[in-house]
Amino acid sequence: MDVPDQLLRLSTMSLEVMRYFIEHLARTYDVRPALGGIDRPALVIAGRHDWVCSPAASRTLARSIPDARLVEIAEAGHFSFSEEPAQFLAAVTEFMRTN
C-alpha cells in the first residue's frame, strides 16, 4: 500500500495539468484506432486487480496490437512491477529474450 505514495514522490503533480486533461481531453482521449499501426512486438502486463486499466481493457489493448503478448499477474493491481516484482521481471525478461 505504500508503493503509490513512493511513486508519486518521484514526480511533480500539477493540478492545472490534471484539471485540463479531465475537463478538455479525457472524454475524447482514445488511442485505440492507432494501436493496429504498432509494428513492433509489444508486451502488455495486466494486474488482475488493476482498477486504473482493468484486465478487460488490457486484453483489448493486447488484441489491438498486431504482435502483442499479454501477461496477467494474478495478485497485482496497477503497480505490478512493485507488487509482484519477480513475476513482472520474469515476464519482461522472457519477452526481451524472445523478441
Protein backbone atom coordinates (compact mmCIF):
# COMPACT_ATOMS: atom_id res chain seq x y z
CA MET A 1 0.00 0.00 0.00
CA ASP A 2 2.97 2.36 0.35
CA VAL A 3 4.02 2.00 -3.30
CA PRO A 4 1.72 4.66 -4.81
CA ASP A 5 2.94 7.23 -2.30
CA GLN A 6 6.57 6.38 -3.08
CA LEU A 7 5.93 6.67 -6.81
CA LEU A 8 4.05 9.94 -6.51
CA ARG A 9 7.02 11.48 -4.68
CA LEU A 10 9.15 10.80 -7.77
CA SER A 11 7.17 13.15 -10.00
CA THR A 12 5.71 16.61 -9.90
CA MET A 13 1.94 16.77 -9.91
CA SER A 14 0.25 19.74 -11.48
CA LEU A 15 -3.37 20.34 -10.57
CA GLU A 16 -3.64 22.67 -13.56
CA VAL A 17 -2.50 19.94 -15.97
CA MET A 18 -4.74 17.34 -14.33
CA ARG A 19 -7.73 19.68 -14.46
CA TYR A 20 -7.09 20.49 -18.12
CA PHE A 21 -6.87 16.79 -19.00
CA ILE A 22 -10.08 15.94 -17.15
CA GLU A 23 -12.05 18.93 -18.44
CA HIS A 24 -10.83 19.02 -22.05
CA LEU A 25 -9.09 15.83 -23.12
CA ALA A 26 -10.26 12.81 -21.14
CA ARG A 27 -13.66 12.46 -22.79
CA THR A 28 -12.14 12.17 -26.26
CA TYR A 29 -8.75 10.65 -25.40
CA ASP A 30 -8.72 7.35 -27.25
CA VAL A 31 -5.64 5.89 -28.91
CA ARG A 32 -7.30 2.57 -29.81
CA PRO A 33 -7.56 3.39 -33.53
CA ALA A 34 -3.76 3.80 -33.69
CA LEU A 35 -2.88 0.53 -31.92
CA GLY A 36 -3.09 -1.53 -35.11
CA GLY A 37 -0.27 0.58 -36.54
CA ILE A 38 2.25 -0.57 -33.94
CA ASP A 39 4.70 -2.65 -35.95
CA ARG A 40 6.94 -3.95 -33.17
CA PRO A 41 6.41 -6.73 -30.64
CA ALA A 42 4.66 -5.42 -27.55
CA LEU A 43 4.26 -6.72 -24.04
CA VAL A 44 1.07 -5.85 -22.18
CA ILE A 45 1.28 -6.61 -18.47
CA ALA A 46 -2.01 -6.56 -16.59
CA GLY A 47 -2.68 -6.82 -12.89
CA ARG A 48 -5.84 -8.82 -12.19
CA HIS A 49 -6.85 -6.23 -9.56
CA ASP A 50 -5.96 -3.12 -11.58
CA TRP A 51 -8.74 -0.56 -11.28
CA VAL A 52 -6.94 2.01 -13.48
CA CYS A 53 -6.57 -0.22 -16.55
CA SER A 54 -8.77 -3.24 -15.97
CA PRO A 55 -7.84 -6.72 -17.17
CA ALA A 56 -10.61 -6.43 -19.79
CA ALA A 57 -9.08 -3.18 -21.07
CA SER A 58 -5.63 -4.82 -21.11
CA ARG A 59 -7.00 -7.72 -23.16
CA THR A 60 -8.49 -5.23 -25.63
CA LEU A 61 -5.16 -3.44 -25.80
CA ALA A 62 -3.25 -6.67 -26.47
CA ARG A 63 -5.77 -7.84 -29.11
CA SER A 64 -5.50 -4.49 -30.88
CA ILE A 65 -1.71 -4.57 -31.28
CA PRO A 66 -0.72 -6.98 -34.07
CA ASP A 67 2.25 -8.63 -32.34
CA ALA A 68 1.37 -8.23 -28.66
CA ARG A 69 1.76 -10.67 -25.82
CA LEU A 70 -0.46 -10.37 -22.75
CA VAL A 71 0.69 -11.39 -19.28
CA GLU A 72 -1.80 -11.15 -16.42
CA ILE A 73 -0.35 -11.09 -12.92
CA ALA A 74 -2.89 -12.63 -10.58
CA GLU A 75 -2.06 -10.88 -7.33
CA ALA A 76 -1.24 -7.43 -8.68
CA GLY A 77 -3.07 -4.18 -9.22
CA HIS A 78 -1.83 -1.19 -11.22
CA PHE A 79 1.74 -1.36 -9.89
CA SER A 80 2.59 -4.95 -10.80
CA PHE A 81 6.30 -4.10 -11.11
CA SER A 82 6.30 -3.31 -7.40
CA GLU A 83 3.53 -5.55 -6.09
CA GLU A 84 4.84 -8.74 -7.75
CA PRO A 85 8.36 -7.80 -8.87
CA ALA A 86 9.57 -11.37 -9.51
CA GLN A 87 6.64 -12.14 -11.83
CA PHE A 88 6.94 -8.78 -13.54
CA LEU A 89 10.67 -9.23 -14.10
CA ALA A 90 10.17 -12.79 -15.37
CA ALA A 91 7.60 -11.58 -17.93
CA VAL A 92 9.81 -8.73 -19.14
CA THR A 93 12.92 -10.94 -19.23
CA GLU A 94 11.13 -13.64 -21.25
CA PHE A 95 9.73 -11.03 -23.64
CA MET A 96 13.15 -9.44 -24.15
CA ARG A 97 14.79 -12.84 -24.60
CA THR A 98 12.37 -13.88 -27.32
CA ASN A 99 11.99 -10.59 -29.20
